[in-house]
């Protein structure tokens, strides 16, 4: 698995993870919205920690290149 998630993207994902967990607690962990929020939080945290996003790979998006000095917000592989 080639890493595709840059450091800024990782920070955003971690912040969104925290917000999703807070939302889950606010609406109730056993409610449908609470469960969805926890699943989203788990996915965001996993992709942030691993540095790999399957959706980015599918669409050939690479925010890691931004960290390496690319001028665009994402690089499209050919």
C-alpha atoms as a PDB file:
ATOM      1  CA  UNK A   1       0.000   0.000   0.000  1.00  0.00           C
ATOM      2  CA  UNK A   2       1.429   3.303  -1.105  1.00  0.00           C
ATOM      3  CA  UNK A   3       0.837   6.108   1.367  1.00  0.00           C
ATOM      4  CA  UNK A   4      -1.499   8.744  -0.034  1.00  0.00           C
ATOM      5  CA  UNK A   5      -2.414  10.877   2.989  1.00  0.00           C
ATOM      6  CA  UNK A   6      -0.271  13.910   3.813  1.00  0.00           C
ATOM      7  CA  UNK A   7       0.353  15.410   7.244  1.00  0.00           C
ATOM      8  CA  UNK A   8      -2.199  18.233   6.948  1.00  0.00           C
ATOM      9  CA  UNK A   9      -4.767  15.719   5.740  1.00  0.00           C
ATOM     10  CA  UNK A  10      -3.933  13.478   8.721  1.00  0.00           C
ATOM     11  CA  UNK A  11      -4.472  16.312  11.204  1.00  0.00           C
ATOM     12  CA  UNK A  12      -7.828  17.128   9.617  1.00  0.00           C
ATOM     13  CA  UNK A  13      -8.854  13.477   9.818  1.00  0.00           C
ATOM     14  CA  UNK A  14      -7.893  13.289  13.498  1.00  0.00           C
ATOM     15  CA  UNK A  15      -9.877  16.446  14.294  1.00  0.00           C
ATOM     16  CA  UNK A  16     -12.878  15.018  12.416  1.00  0.00           C
ATOM     17  CA  UNK A  17     -12.451  11.765  14.348  1.00  0.00           C
ATOM     18  CA  UNK A  18     -12.702  13.628  17.633  1.00  0.00           C
ATOM     19  CA  UNK A  19     -15.777  15.525  16.436  1.00  0.00           C
ATOM     20  CA  UNK A  20     -17.445  12.293  15.284  1.00  0.00           C
ATOM     21  CA  UNK A  21     -16.826  10.645  18.661  1.00  0.00           C
ATOM     22  CA  UNK A  22     -18.229  13.679  20.480  1.00  0.00           C
ATOM     23  CA  UNK A  23     -21.274  13.565  18.193  1.00  0.00           C
ATOM     24  CA  UNK A  24     -21.726   9.866  18.926  1.00  0.00           C
ATOM     25  CA  UNK A  25     -21.755  10.529  22.661  1.00  0.00           C
ATOM     26  CA  UNK A  26     -24.117  13.487  22.284  1.00  0.00           C
ATOM     27  CA  UNK A  27     -26.745  11.578  20.288  1.00  0.00           C
ATOM     28  CA  UNK A  28     -26.263   8.325  22.170  1.00  0.00           C
ATOM     29  CA  UNK A  29     -23.858   5.517  21.366  1.00  0.00           C
ATOM     30  CA  UNK A  30     -26.626   3.012  20.691  1.00  0.00           C
ATOM     31  CA  UNK A  31     -28.611   5.265  18.347  1.00  0.00           C
ATOM     32  CA  UNK A  32     -28.291   4.835  14.582  1.00  0.00           C
ATOM     33  CA  UNK A  33     -26.554   8.195  14.212  1.00  0.00           C
ATOM     34  CA  UNK A  34     -24.227   7.377  17.092  1.00  0.00           C
ATOM     35  CA  UNK A  35     -23.199   4.087  15.507  1.00  0.00           C
ATOM     36  CA  UNK A  36     -22.647   5.729  12.115  1.00  0.00           C
ATOM     37  CA  UNK A  37     -20.554   8.449  13.757  1.00  0.00           C
ATOM     38  CA  UNK A  38     -18.397   5.823  15.490  1.00  0.00           C
ATOM     39  CA  UNK A  39     -17.892   3.900  12.235  1.00  0.00           C
ATOM     40  CA  UNK A  40     -16.889   7.111  10.448  1.00  0.00           C
ATOM     41  CA  UNK A  41     -14.534   7.955  13.326  1.00  0.00           C
ATOM     42  CA  UNK A  42     -12.916   4.512  13.097  1.00  0.00           C
ATOM     43  CA  UNK A  43     -12.385   4.851   9.350  1.00  0.00           C
ATOM     44  CA  UNK A  44     -10.952   8.362   9.671  1.00  0.00           C
ATOM     45  CA  UNK A  45      -8.608   7.328  12.472  1.00  0.00           C
ATOM     46  CA  UNK A  46      -7.435   4.225  10.614  1.00  0.00           C
ATOM     47  CA  UNK A  47      -6.650   6.171   7.452  1.00  0.00           C
ATOM     48  CA  UNK A  48      -4.954   8.938   9.436  1.00  0.00           C
ATOM     49  CA  UNK A  49      -2.709   6.525  11.331  1.00  0.00           C
ATOM     50  CA  UNK A  50      -1.879   4.317   8.357  1.00  0.00           C
ATOM     51  CA  UNK A  51      -1.384   7.154   5.880  1.00  0.00           C
ATOM     52  CA  UNK A  52      -3.341   5.195   3.280  1.00  0.00           C
ATOM     53  CA  UNK A  53      -6.805   6.027   1.965  1.00  0.00           C
ATOM     54  CA  UNK A  54      -8.409   3.492  -0.388  1.00  0.00           C
ATOM     55  CA  UNK A  55     -10.689   6.136  -1.893  1.00  0.00           C
ATOM     56  CA  UNK A  56      -7.682   8.330  -2.678  1.00  0.00           C
ATOM     57  CA  UNK A  57      -6.042   5.358  -4.392  1.00  0.00           C
ATOM     58  CA  UNK A  58      -9.179   4.682  -6.410  1.00  0.00           C
ATOM     59  CA  UNK A  59      -9.270   8.259  -7.712  1.00  0.00           C
ATOM     60  CA  UNK A  60      -5.463   8.576  -7.864  1.00  0.00           C
ATOM     61  CA  UNK A  61      -5.347  11.421  -5.320  1.00  0.00           C
ATOM     62  CA  UNK A  62      -2.153  11.912  -3.342  1.00  0.00           C
ATOM     63  CA  UNK A  63      -2.049  14.591  -0.621  1.00  0.00           C
ATOM     64  CA  UNK A  64       1.331  13.269   0.488  1.00  0.00           C
ATOM     65  CA  UNK A  65       2.919  15.016  -2.495  1.00  0.00           C
ATOM     66  CA  UNK A  66       1.876  18.359  -0.984  1.00  0.00           C
ATOM     67  CA  UNK A  67       4.207  17.615   1.932  1.00  0.00           C
ATOM     68  CA  UNK A  68       7.020  16.920  -0.526  1.00  0.00           C
ATOM     69  CA  UNK A  69       6.762  20.357  -2.145  1.00  0.00           C
ATOM     70  CA  UNK A  70       4.269  19.883  -4.961  1.00  0.00           C
ATOM     71  CA  UNK A  71       2.525  23.092  -5.998  1.00  0.00           C
ATOM     72  CA  UNK A  72      -0.917  21.534  -6.432  1.00  0.00           C
ATOM     73  CA  UNK A  73      -3.303  20.488  -3.679  1.00  0.00           C
ATOM     74  CA  UNK A  74      -3.291  16.944  -5.014  1.00  0.00           C
ATOM     75  CA  UNK A  75      -1.388  15.073  -7.636  1.00  0.00           C
ATOM     76  CA  UNK A  76      -3.093  12.970 -10.255  1.00  0.00           C
ATOM     77  CA  UNK A  77      -1.033   9.964 -11.325  1.00  0.00           C
ATOM     78  CA  UNK A  78      -1.025   9.068 -14.997  1.00  0.00           C
END
